[in-house]
Amino acid sequence: RQILPIVPKEVDEEKYSAEYLYEPSRGEVLEQILPKHINVQIFRALLESVASEHGARMTAMDSASKNASEMIDKLTLQYNRARQAAITKELMEIISGAESIK
């Protein structure tokens, strides 16, 4: 975004042809307003930069949260399968022990 030089918007001269009286003069008004305008434009650029950074961080955190959730689901499934295999093995040992006693 261009800060300087300030390019005025094109307007219909006939529609806005009123002559205004400036107190202080146009030059003095411009001299006071221009530094403030530049400060505001720089501040706006800084705010947009910070907002962009926060947006990128939020996107990264959202992605990390989704990845963590997927990993939790995967590990829970893996744990449940291992637990079920251990239970099945223990039952098989009990059944084979009971069969050997008969």
PDB file of N, CA and C in Angstrom:
ATOM      1  N   ARG A   1       0.846  -1.178   0.000  1.00  0.00           N
ATOM      2  CA  ARG A   1       0.000   0.000   0.000  1.00  0.00           C
ATOM      3  C   ARG A   1       0.886   1.235   0.000  1.00  0.00           C
ATOM      4  N   GLN A   2       0.571   2.154  -0.860  1.00  0.00           N
ATOM      5  CA  GLN A   2       1.371   3.366  -1.032  1.00  0.00           C
ATOM      6  C   GLN A   2       0.963   4.409   0.006  1.00  0.00           C
ATOM      7  N   ILE A   3       1.959   4.957   0.707  1.00  0.00           N
ATOM      8  CA  ILE A   3       1.690   5.996   1.705  1.00  0.00           C
ATOM      9  C   ILE A   3       1.893   7.382   1.100  1.00  0.00           C
ATOM     10  N   LEU A   4       3.026   7.563   0.449  1.00  0.00           N
ATOM     11  CA  LEU A   4       3.326   8.863  -0.162  1.00  0.00           C
ATOM     12  C   LEU A   4       3.677   8.666  -1.619  1.00  0.00           C
ATOM     13  N   PRO A   5       3.447   9.531  -2.503  1.00  0.00           N
ATOM     14  CA  PRO A   5       2.656  10.747  -2.332  1.00  0.00           C
ATOM     15  C   PRO A   5       1.175  10.404  -2.254  1.00  0.00           C
ATOM     16  N   ILE A   6       0.436  11.262  -1.601  1.00  0.00           N
ATOM     17  CA  ILE A   6      -1.002  11.076  -1.475  1.00  0.00           C
ATOM     18  C   ILE A   6      -1.644  11.448  -2.805  1.00  0.00           C
ATOM     19  N   VAL A   7      -2.343  10.511  -3.373  1.00  0.00           N
ATOM     20  CA  VAL A   7      -3.005  10.744  -4.657  1.00  0.00           C
ATOM     21  C   VAL A   7      -4.487  10.969  -4.376  1.00  0.00           C
ATOM     22  N   PRO A   8      -5.000  12.157  -4.680  1.00  0.00           N
ATOM     23  CA  PRO A   8      -6.419  12.409  -4.402  1.00  0.00           C
ATOM     24  C   PRO A   8      -7.313  11.581  -5.318  1.00  0.00           C
ATOM     25  N   LYS A   9      -8.457  11.220  -4.793  1.00  0.00           N
ATOM     26  CA  LYS A   9      -9.418  10.469  -5.594  1.00  0.00           C
ATOM     27  C   LYS A   9     -10.021  11.401  -6.638  1.00  0.00           C
ATOM     28  N   GLU A  10     -10.331  10.832  -7.776  1.00  0.00           N
ATOM     29  CA  GLU A  10     -10.966  11.626  -8.822  1.00  0.00           C
ATOM     30  C   GLU A  10     -12.432  11.827  -8.469  1.00  0.00           C
ATOM     31  N   VAL A  11     -12.876  13.078  -8.542  1.00  0.00           N
ATOM     32  CA  VAL A  11     -14.268  13.402  -8.233  1.00  0.00           C
ATOM     33  C   VAL A  11     -14.847  14.227  -9.371  1.00  0.00           C
ATOM     34  N   ASP A  12     -16.135  14.247  -9.424  1.00  0.00           N
ATOM     35  CA  ASP A  12     -16.827  15.048 -10.425  1.00  0.00           C
ATOM     36  C   ASP A  12     -16.733  16.513 -10.003  1.00  0.00           C
ATOM     37  N   GLU A  13     -15.931  17.294 -10.708  1.00  0.00           N
ATOM     38  CA  GLU A  13     -15.681  18.694 -10.353  1.00  0.00           C
ATOM     39  C   GLU A  13     -16.958  19.527 -10.357  1.00  0.00           C
ATOM     40  N   GLU A  14     -17.859  19.254 -11.288  1.00  0.00           N
ATOM     41  CA  GLU A  14     -19.084  20.046 -11.376  1.00  0.00           C
ATOM     42  C   GLU A  14     -19.989  19.792 -10.181  1.00  0.00           C
ATOM     43  N   LYS A  15     -20.007  18.558  -9.702  1.00  0.00           N
ATOM     44  CA  LYS A  15     -20.868  18.211  -8.573  1.00  0.00           C
ATOM     45  C   LYS A  15     -20.358  18.833  -7.275  1.00  0.00           C
ATOM     46  N   TYR A  16     -19.037  18.902  -7.126  1.00  0.00           N
ATOM     47  CA  TYR A  16     -18.429  19.437  -5.912  1.00  0.00           C
ATOM     48  C   TYR A  16     -17.618  20.678  -6.256  1.00  0.00           C
ATOM     49  N   SER A  17     -18.271  21.690  -6.701  1.00  0.00           N
ATOM     50  CA  SER A  17     -17.543  22.875  -7.150  1.00  0.00           C
ATOM     51  C   SER A  17     -17.548  24.000  -6.127  1.00  0.00           C
ATOM     52  N   ALA A  18     -17.912  23.721  -4.869  1.00  0.00           N
ATOM     53  CA  ALA A  18     -17.945  24.775  -3.855  1.00  0.00           C
ATOM     54  C   ALA A  18     -16.528  25.198  -3.495  1.00  0.00           C
ATOM     55  N   GLU A  19     -16.359  26.456  -3.195  1.00  0.00           N
ATOM     56  CA  GLU A  19     -15.064  27.003  -2.788  1.00  0.00           C
ATOM     57  C   GLU A  19     -15.096  27.152  -1.268  1.00  0.00           C
ATOM     58  N   TYR A  20     -14.109  26.570  -0.609  1.00  0.00           N
ATOM     59  CA  TYR A  20     -14.079  26.600   0.844  1.00  0.00           C
ATOM     60  C   TYR A  20     -13.031  27.584   1.326  1.00  0.00           C
ATOM     61  N   LEU A  21     -13.301  28.156   2.485  1.00  0.00           N
ATOM     62  CA  LEU A  21     -12.374  29.078   3.126  1.00  0.00           C
ATOM     63  C   LEU A  21     -11.667  28.291   4.228  1.00  0.00           C
ATOM     64  N   TYR A  22     -10.355  28.234   4.171  1.00  0.00           N
ATOM     65  CA  TYR A  22      -9.572  27.485   5.153  1.00  0.00           C
ATOM     66  C   TYR A  22      -8.968  28.441   6.161  1.00  0.00           C
ATOM     67  N   GLU A  23      -9.125  28.114   7.434  1.00  0.00           N
ATOM     68  CA  GLU A  23      -8.513  28.905   8.486  1.00  0.00           C
ATOM     69  C   GLU A  23      -7.890  27.936   9.455  1.00  0.00           C
ATOM     70  N   PRO A  24      -6.674  27.753   9.602  1.00  0.00           N
ATOM     71  CA  PRO A  24      -5.555  28.393   8.920  1.00  0.00           C
ATOM     72  C   PRO A  24      -5.527  28.004   7.443  1.00  0.00           C
ATOM     73  N   SER A  25      -4.523  28.419   6.756  1.00  0.00           N
ATOM     74  CA  SER A  25      -4.454  28.225   5.305  1.00  0.00           C
ATOM     75  C   SER A  25      -4.362  26.740   4.950  1.00  0.00           C
ATOM     76  N   ARG A  26      -4.608  26.432   3.676  1.00  0.00           N
ATOM     77  CA  ARG A  26      -4.521  25.045   3.210  1.00  0.00           C
ATOM     78  C   ARG A  26      -3.154  24.441   3.506  1.00  0.00           C
ATOM     79  N   GLY A  27      -2.123  25.200   3.274  1.00  0.00           N
ATOM     80  CA  GLY A  27      -0.760  24.718   3.511  1.00  0.00           C
ATOM     81  C   GLY A  27      -0.520  24.366   4.966  1.00  0.00           C
ATOM     82  N   GLU A  28      -0.995  25.225   5.875  1.00  0.00           N
ATOM     83  CA  GLU A  28      -0.813  24.955   7.309  1.00  0.00           C
ATOM     84  C   GLU A  28      -1.619  23.731   7.745  1.00  0.00           C
ATOM     85  N   VAL A  29      -2.829  23.608   7.216  1.00  0.00           N
ATOM     86  CA  VAL A  29      -3.649  22.437   7.549  1.00  0.00           C
ATOM     87  C   VAL A  29      -2.955  21.166   7.064  1.00  0.00           C
ATOM     88  N   LEU A  30      -2.472  21.204   5.826  1.00  0.00           N
ATOM     89  CA  LEU A  30      -1.770  20.052   5.265  1.00  0.00           C
ATOM     90  C   LEU A  30      -0.503  19.748   6.061  1.00  0.00           C
ATOM     91  N   GLU A  31       0.190  20.784   6.483  1.00  0.00           N
ATOM     92  CA  GLU A  31       1.423  20.619   7.262  1.00  0.00           C
ATOM     93  C   GLU A  31       1.147  19.928   8.590  1.00  0.00           C
ATOM     94  N   GLN A  32      -0.012  20.170   9.172  1.00  0.00           N
ATOM     95  CA  GLN A  32      -0.351  19.530  10.450  1.00  0.00           C
ATOM     96  C   GLN A  32      -0.943  18.129  10.251  1.00  0.00           C
ATOM     97  N   ILE A  33      -1.696  17.968   9.187  1.00  0.00           N
ATOM     98  CA  ILE A  33      -2.387  16.691   8.975  1.00  0.00           C
ATOM     99  C   ILE A  33      -1.478  15.628   8.370  1.00  0.00           C
ATOM    100  N   LEU A  34      -0.579  16.008   7.486  1.00  0.00           N
ATOM    101  CA  LEU A  34       0.252  15.037   6.775  1.00  0.00           C
ATOM    102  C   LEU A  34       1.081  14.145   7.706  1.00  0.00           C
ATOM    103  N   PRO A  35       1.795  14.694   8.710  1.00  0.00           N
ATOM    104  CA  PRO A  35       2.539  13.790   9.615  1.00  0.00           C
ATOM    105  C   PRO A  35       1.617  12.829  10.369  1.00  0.00           C
ATOM    106  N   LYS A  36       0.443  13.316  10.755  1.00  0.00           N
ATOM    107  CA  LYS A  36      -0.503  12.443  11.461  1.00  0.00           C
ATOM    108  C   LYS A  36      -1.014  11.350  10.527  1.00  0.00           C
ATOM    109  N   HIS A  37      -1.247  11.716   9.286  1.00  0.00           N
ATOM    110  CA  HIS A  37      -1.702  10.736   8.296  1.00  0.00           C
ATOM    111  C   HIS A  37      -0.648   9.646   8.097  1.00  0.00           C
ATOM    112  N   ILE A  38       0.595  10.051   7.989  1.00  0.00           N
ATOM    113  CA  ILE A  38       1.683   9.077   7.809  1.00  0.00           C
ATOM    114  C   ILE A  38       1.790   8.176   9.032  1.00  0.00           C
ATOM    115  N   ASN A  39       1.699   8.769  10.237  1.00  0.00           N
ATOM    116  CA  ASN A  39       1.752   7.967  11.468  1.00  0.00           C
ATOM    117  C   ASN A  39       0.620   6.944  11.505  1.00  0.00           C
ATOM    118  N   VAL A  40      -0.568   7.367  11.126  1.00  0.00           N
ATOM    119  CA  VAL A  40      -1.714   6.459  11.135  1.00  0.00           C
ATOM    120  C   VAL A  40      -1.519   5.338  10.116  1.00  0.00           C
ATOM    121  N   GLN A  41      -0.997   5.657   8.942  1.00  0.00           N
ATOM    122  CA  GLN A  41      -0.779   4.632   7.920  1.00  0.00           C
ATOM    123  C   GLN A  41       0.278   3.621   8.367  1.00  0.00           C
ATOM    124  N   ILE A  42       1.333   4.102   9.011  1.00  0.00           N
ATOM    125  CA  ILE A  42       2.369   3.191   9.528  1.00  0.00           C
ATOM    126  C   ILE A  42       1.798   2.327  10.646  1.00  0.00           C
ATOM    127  N   PHE A  43       1.019   2.946  11.540  1.00  0.00           N
ATOM    128  CA  PHE A  43       0.391   2.201  12.628  1.00  0.00           C
ATOM    129  C   PHE A  43      -0.563   1.145  12.068  1.00  0.00           C
ATOM    130  N   ARG A  44      -1.303   1.504  11.034  1.00  0.00           N
ATOM    131  CA  ARG A  44      -2.207   0.556  10.391  1.00  0.00           C
ATOM    132  C   ARG A  44      -1.427  -0.627   9.826  1.00  0.00           C
ATOM    133  N   ALA A  45      -0.301  -0.350   9.175  1.00  0.00           N
ATOM    134  CA  ALA A  45       0.524  -1.431   8.618  1.00  0.00           C
ATOM    135  C   ALA A  45       1.029  -2.348   9.730  1.00  0.00           C
ATOM    136  N   LEU A  46       1.426  -1.760  10.865  1.00  0.00           N
ATOM    137  CA  LEU A  46       1.880  -2.573  11.998  1.00  0.00           C
ATOM    138  C   LEU A  46       0.748  -3.442  12.537  1.00  0.00           C
ATOM    139  N   LEU A  47      -0.437  -2.856  12.666  1.00  0.00           N
ATOM    140  CA  LEU A  47      -1.578  -3.626  13.159  1.00  0.00           C
ATOM    141  C   LEU A  47      -1.941  -4.760  12.208  1.00  0.00           C
ATOM    142  N   GLU A  48      -1.894  -4.493  10.914  1.00  0.00           N
ATOM    143  CA  GLU A  48      -2.181  -5.548   9.939  1.00  0.00           C
ATOM    144  C   GLU A  48      -1.139  -6.657  10.018  1.00  0.00           C
ATOM    145  N   SER A  49       0.108  -6.278  10.261  1.00  0.00           N
ATOM    146  CA  SER A  49       1.176  -7.271  10.390  1.00  0.00           C
ATOM    147  C   SER A  49       0.946  -8.153  11.618  1.00  0.00           C
ATOM    148  N   VAL A  50       0.595  -7.525  12.731  1.00  0.00           N
ATOM    149  CA  VAL A  50       0.342  -8.283  13.962  1.00  0.00           C
ATOM    150  C   VAL A  50      -0.881  -9.185  13.782  1.00  0.00           C
ATOM    151  N   ALA A  51      -1.929  -8.656  13.152  1.00  0.00           N
ATOM    152  CA  ALA A  51      -3.129  -9.465  12.914  1.00  0.00           C
ATOM    153  C   ALA A  51      -2.801 -10.659  12.017  1.00  0.00           C
ATOM    154  N   SER A  52      -1.965 -10.437  11.019  1.00  0.00           N
ATOM    155  CA  SER A  52      -1.558 -11.524  10.127  1.00  0.00           C
ATOM    156  C   SER A  52      -0.771 -12.583  10.896  1.00  0.00           C
ATOM    157  N   GLU A  53       0.117 -12.139  11.764  1.00  0.00           N
ATOM    158  CA  GLU A  53       0.902 -13.086  12.568  1.00  0.00           C
ATOM    159  C   GLU A  53      -0.011 -13.908  13.469  1.00  0.00           C
ATOM    160  N   HIS A  54      -0.972 -13.240  14.117  1.00  0.00           N
ATOM    161  CA  HIS A  54      -1.906 -13.968  14.985  1.00  0.00           C
ATOM    162  C   HIS A  54      -2.736 -14.963  14.180  1.00  0.00           C
ATOM    163  N   GLY A  55      -3.134 -14.573  12.987  1.00  0.00           N
ATOM    164  CA  GLY A  55      -3.880 -15.493  12.129  1.00  0.00           C
ATOM    165  C   GLY A  55      -3.059 -16.717  11.776  1.00  0.00           C
ATOM    166  N   ALA A  56      -1.786 -16.505  11.451  1.00  0.00           N
ATOM    167  CA  ALA A  56      -0.901 -17.626  11.123  1.00  0.00           C
ATOM    168  C   ALA A  56      -0.702 -18.529  12.337  1.00  0.00           C
ATOM    169  N   ARG A  57      -0.557 -17.921  13.511  1.00  0.00           N
ATOM    170  CA  ARG A  57      -0.390 -18.725  14.734  1.00  0.00           C
ATOM    171  C   ARG A  57      -1.648 -19.537  15.031  1.00  0.00           C
ATOM    172  N   MET A  58      -2.810 -18.913  14.843  1.00  0.00           N
ATOM    173  CA  MET A  58      -4.059 -19.637  15.090  1.00  0.00           C
ATOM    174  C   MET A  58      -4.209 -20.805  14.128  1.00  0.00           C
ATOM    175  N   THR A  59      -3.844 -20.596  12.877  1.00  0.00           N
ATOM    176  CA  THR A  59      -3.911 -21.676  11.891  1.00  0.00           C
ATOM    177  C   THR A  59      -2.964 -22.809  12.275  1.00  0.00           C
ATOM    178  N   ALA A  60      -1.756 -22.453  12.698  1.00  0.00           N
ATOM    179  CA  ALA A  60      -0.782 -23.470  13.106  1.00  0.00           C
ATOM    180  C   ALA A  60      -1.273 -24.232  14.338  1.00  0.00           C
ATOM    181  N   MET A  61      -1.841 -23.508  15.305  1.00  0.00           N
ATOM    182  CA  MET A  61      -2.338 -24.173  16.512  1.00  0.00           C
ATOM    183  C   MET A  61      -3.539 -25.064  16.194  1.00  0.00           C
ATOM    184  N   ASP A  62      -4.390 -24.634  15.290  1.00  0.00           N
ATOM    185  CA  ASP A  62      -5.532 -25.455  14.888  1.00  0.00           C
ATOM    186  C   ASP A  62      -5.049 -26.746  14.238  1.00  0.00           C
ATOM    187  N   SER A  63      -4.053 -26.618  13.383  1.00  0.00           N
ATOM    188  CA  SER A  63      -3.483 -27.798  12.731  1.00  0.00           C
ATOM    189  C   SER A  63      -2.838 -28.725  13.758  1.00  0.00           C
ATOM    190  N   ALA A  64      -2.116 -28.152  14.711  1.00  0.00           N
ATOM    191  CA  ALA A  64      -1.476 -28.965  15.751  1.00  0.00           C
ATOM    192  C   ALA A  64      -2.525 -29.665  16.610  1.00  0.00           C
ATOM    193  N   SER A  65      -3.614 -28.969  16.922  1.00  0.00           N
ATOM    194  CA  SER A  65      -4.685 -29.581  17.717  1.00  0.00           C
ATOM    195  C   SER A  65      -5.328 -30.742  16.973  1.00  0.00           C
ATOM    196  N   LYS A  66      -5.565 -30.567  15.673  1.00  0.00           N
ATOM    197  CA  LYS A  66      -6.142 -31.654  14.880  1.00  0.00           C
ATOM    198  C   LYS A  66      -5.195 -32.843  14.819  1.00  0.00           C
ATOM    199  N   ASN A  67      -3.895 -32.574  14.625  1.00  0.00           N
ATOM    200  CA  ASN A  67      -2.905 -33.658  14.581  1.00  0.00           C
ATOM    201  C   ASN A  67      -2.837 -34.387  15.915  1.00  0.00           C
ATOM    202  N   ALA A  68      -2.891 -33.634  17.024  1.00  0.00           N
ATOM    203  CA  ALA A  68      -2.849 -34.253  18.348  1.00  0.00           C
ATOM    204  C   ALA A  68      -4.088 -35.113  18.572  1.00  0.00           C
ATOM    205  N   SER A  69      -5.233 -34.619  18.137  1.00  0.00           N
ATOM    206  CA  SER A  69      -6.470 -35.387  18.286  1.00  0.00           C
ATOM    207  C   SER A  69      -6.410 -36.689  17.488  1.00  0.00           C
ATOM    208  N   GLU A  70      -5.898 -36.611  16.266  1.00  0.00           N
ATOM    209  CA  GLU A  70      -5.749 -37.821  15.443  1.00  0.00           C
ATOM    210  C   GLU A  70      -4.775 -38.801  16.088  1.00  0.00           C
ATOM    211  N   MET A  71      -3.691 -38.284  16.663  1.00  0.00           N
ATOM    212  CA  MET A  71      -2.705 -39.147  17.308  1.00  0.00           C
ATOM    213  C   MET A  71      -3.307 -39.809  18.546  1.00  0.00           C
ATOM    214  N   ILE A  72      -4.107 -39.064  19.315  1.00  0.00           N
ATOM    215  CA  ILE A  72      -4.763 -39.637  20.492  1.00  0.00           C
ATOM    216  C   ILE A  72      -5.693 -40.769  20.068  1.00  0.00           C
ATOM    217  N   ASP A  73      -6.472 -40.537  19.017  1.00  0.00           N
ATOM    218  CA  ASP A  73      -7.379 -41.587  18.528  1.00  0.00           C
ATOM    219  C   ASP A  73      -6.597 -42.826  18.095  1.00  0.00           C
ATOM    220  N   LYS A  74      -5.510 -42.614  17.370  1.00  0.00           N
ATOM    221  CA  LYS A  74      -4.688 -43.725  16.881  1.00  0.00           C
ATOM    222  C   LYS A  74      -4.066 -44.502  18.044  1.00  0.00           C
ATOM    223  N   LEU A  75      -3.513 -43.780  19.021  1.00  0.00           N
ATOM    224  CA  LEU A  75      -2.874 -44.443  20.160  1.00  0.00           C
ATOM    225  C   LEU A  75      -3.897 -45.135  21.054  1.00  0.00           C
ATOM    226  N   THR A  76      -5.090 -44.561  21.196  1.00  0.00           N
ATOM    227  CA  THR A  76      -6.144 -45.199  21.984  1.00  0.00           C
ATOM    228  C   THR A  76      -6.548 -46.520  21.346  1.00  0.00           C
ATOM    229  N   LEU A  77      -6.701 -46.509  20.029  1.00  0.00           N
ATOM    230  CA  LEU A  77      -7.042 -47.735  19.307  1.00  0.00           C
ATOM    231  C   LEU A  77      -5.935 -48.784  19.465  1.00  0.00           C
ATOM    232  N   GLN A  78      -4.693 -48.348  19.356  1.00  0.00           N
ATOM    233  CA  GLN A  78      -3.550 -49.251  19.505  1.00  0.00           C
ATOM    234  C   GLN A  78      -3.517 -49.836  20.927  1.00  0.00           C
ATOM    235  N   TYR A  79      -3.771 -49.000  21.933  1.00  0.00           N
ATOM    236  CA  TYR A  79      -3.785 -49.452  23.327  1.00  0.00           C
ATOM    237  C   TYR A  79      -4.905 -50.469  23.549  1.00  0.00           C
ATOM    238  N   ASN A  80      -6.083 -50.161  23.014  1.00  0.00           N
ATOM    239  CA  ASN A  80      -7.217 -51.079  23.196  1.00  0.00           C
ATOM    240  C   ASN A  80      -6.956 -52.429  22.533  1.00  0.00           C
ATOM    241  N   ARG A  81      -6.327 -52.430  21.367  1.00  0.00           N
ATOM    242  CA  ARG A  81      -5.990 -53.696  20.700  1.00  0.00           C
ATOM    243  C   ARG A  81      -4.978 -54.495  21.516  1.00  0.00           C
ATOM    244  N   ALA A  82      -3.973 -53.818  22.048  1.00  0.00           N
ATOM    245  CA  ALA A  82      -2.960 -54.507  22.860  1.00  0.00           C
ATOM    246  C   ALA A  82      -3.590 -55.065  24.134  1.00  0.00           C
ATOM    247  N   ARG A  83      -4.472 -54.283  24.758  1.00  0.00           N
ATOM    248  CA  ARG A  83      -5.150 -54.745  25.975  1.00  0.00           C
ATOM    249  C   ARG A  83      -6.038 -55.946  25.663  1.00  0.00           C
ATOM    250  N   GLN A  84      -6.764 -55.872  24.551  1.00  0.00           N
ATOM    251  CA  GLN A  84      -7.632 -56.986  24.156  1.00  0.00           C
ATOM    252  C   GLN A  84      -6.805 -58.235  23.849  1.00  0.00           C
ATOM    253  N   ALA A  85      -5.648 -58.064  23.223  1.00  0.00           N
ATOM    254  CA  ALA A  85      -4.771 -59.208  22.935  1.00  0.00           C
ATOM    255  C   ALA A  85      -4.267 -59.833  24.231  1.00  0.00           C
ATOM    256  N   ALA A  86      -3.935 -59.006  25.216  1.00  0.00           N
ATOM    257  CA  ALA A  86      -3.468 -59.532  26.506  1.00  0.00           C
ATOM    258  C   ALA A  86      -4.585 -60.288  27.212  1.00  0.00           C
ATOM    259  N   ILE A  87      -5.801 -59.755  27.155  1.00  0.00           N
ATOM    260  CA  ILE A  87      -6.944 -60.432  27.781  1.00  0.00           C
ATOM    261  C   ILE A  87      -7.208 -61.771  27.091  1.00  0.00           C
ATOM    262  N   THR A  88      -7.166 -61.766  25.765  1.00  0.00           N
ATOM    263  CA  THR A  88      -7.382 -63.003  25.001  1.00  0.00           C
ATOM    264  C   THR A  88      -6.311 -64.033  25.342  1.00  0.00           C
ATOM    265  N   LYS A  89      -5.061 -63.593  25.434  1.00  0.00           N
ATOM    266  CA  LYS A  89      -3.957 -64.508  25.773  1.00  0.00           C
ATOM    267  C   LYS A  89      -4.169 -65.097  27.161  1.00  0.00           C
ATOM    268  N   GLU A  90      -4.581 -64.269  28.109  1.00  0.00           N
ATOM    269  CA  GLU A  90      -4.799 -64.739  29.475  1.00  0.00           C
ATOM    270  C   GLU A  90      -5.952 -65.745  29.523  1.00  0.00           C
ATOM    271  N   LEU A  91      -7.025 -65.460  28.780  1.00  0.00           N
ATOM    272  CA  LEU A  91      -8.151 -66.403  28.728  1.00  0.00           C
ATOM    273  C   LEU A  91      -7.729 -67.731  28.103  1.00  0.00           C
ATOM    274  N   MET A  92      -6.917 -67.668  27.054  1.00  0.00           N
ATOM    275  CA  MET A  92      -6.437 -68.899  26.414  1.00  0.00           C
ATOM    276  C   MET A  92      -5.586 -69.710  27.385  1.00  0.00           C
ATOM    277  N   GLU A  93      -4.770 -69.039  28.181  1.00  0.00           N
ATOM    278  CA  GLU A  93      -3.950 -69.752  29.172  1.00  0.00           C
ATOM    279  C   GLU A  93      -4.827 -70.402  30.232  1.00  0.00           C
ATOM    280  N   ILE A  94      -5.871 -69.688  30.662  1.00  0.00           N
ATOM    281  CA  ILE A  94      -6.783 -70.250  31.671  1.00  0.00           C
ATOM    282  C   ILE A  94      -7.517 -71.463  31.106  1.00  0.00           C
ATOM    283  N   ILE A  95      -8.008 -71.326  29.866  1.00  0.00           N
ATOM    284  CA  ILE A  95      -8.745 -72.431  29.237  1.00  0.00           C
ATOM    285  C   ILE A  95      -7.828 -73.632  29.009  1.00  0.00           C
ATOM    286  N   SER A  96      -6.611 -73.401  28.522  1.00  0.00           N
ATOM    287  CA  SER A  96      -5.695 -74.524  28.289  1.00  0.00           C
ATOM    288  C   SER A  96      -5.268 -75.155  29.613  1.00  0.00           C
ATOM    289  N   GLY A  97      -5.147 -74.363  30.670  1.00  0.00           N
ATOM    290  CA  GLY A  97      -4.831 -74.922  31.994  1.00  0.00           C
ATOM    291  C   GLY A  97      -5.971 -75.775  32.510  1.00  0.00           C
ATOM    292  N   ALA A  98      -7.197 -75.313  32.285  1.00  0.00           N
ATOM    293  CA  ALA A  98      -8.372 -76.083  32.721  1.00  0.00           C
ATOM    294  C   ALA A  98      -8.490 -77.364  31.910  1.00  0.00           C
ATOM    295  N   GLU A  99      -8.173 -77.317  30.627  1.00  0.00           N
ATOM    296  CA  GLU A  99      -8.237 -78.503  29.767  1.00  0.00           C
ATOM    297  C   GLU A  99      -7.180 -79.527  30.185  1.00  0.00           C
ATOM    298  N   SER A 100      -6.014 -79.046  30.594  1.00  0.00           N
ATOM    299  CA  SER A 100      -4.954 -79.982  30.976  1.00  0.00           C
ATOM    300  C   SER A 100      -5.253 -80.669  32.304  1.00  0.00           C
ATOM    301  N   ILE A 101      -6.051 -80.040  33.140  1.00  0.00           N
ATOM    302  CA  ILE A 101      -6.425 -80.644  34.425  1.00  0.00           C
ATOM    303  C   ILE A 101      -7.409 -81.784  34.201  1.00  0.00           C
ATOM    304  N   LYS A 102      -8.252 -81.692  33.210  1.00  0.00           N
ATOM    305  CA  LYS A 102      -9.271 -82.721  32.939  1.00  0.00           C
ATOM    306  C   LYS A 102      -8.624 -83.957  32.519  1.00  0.00           C
TER     307      LYS A 102
END
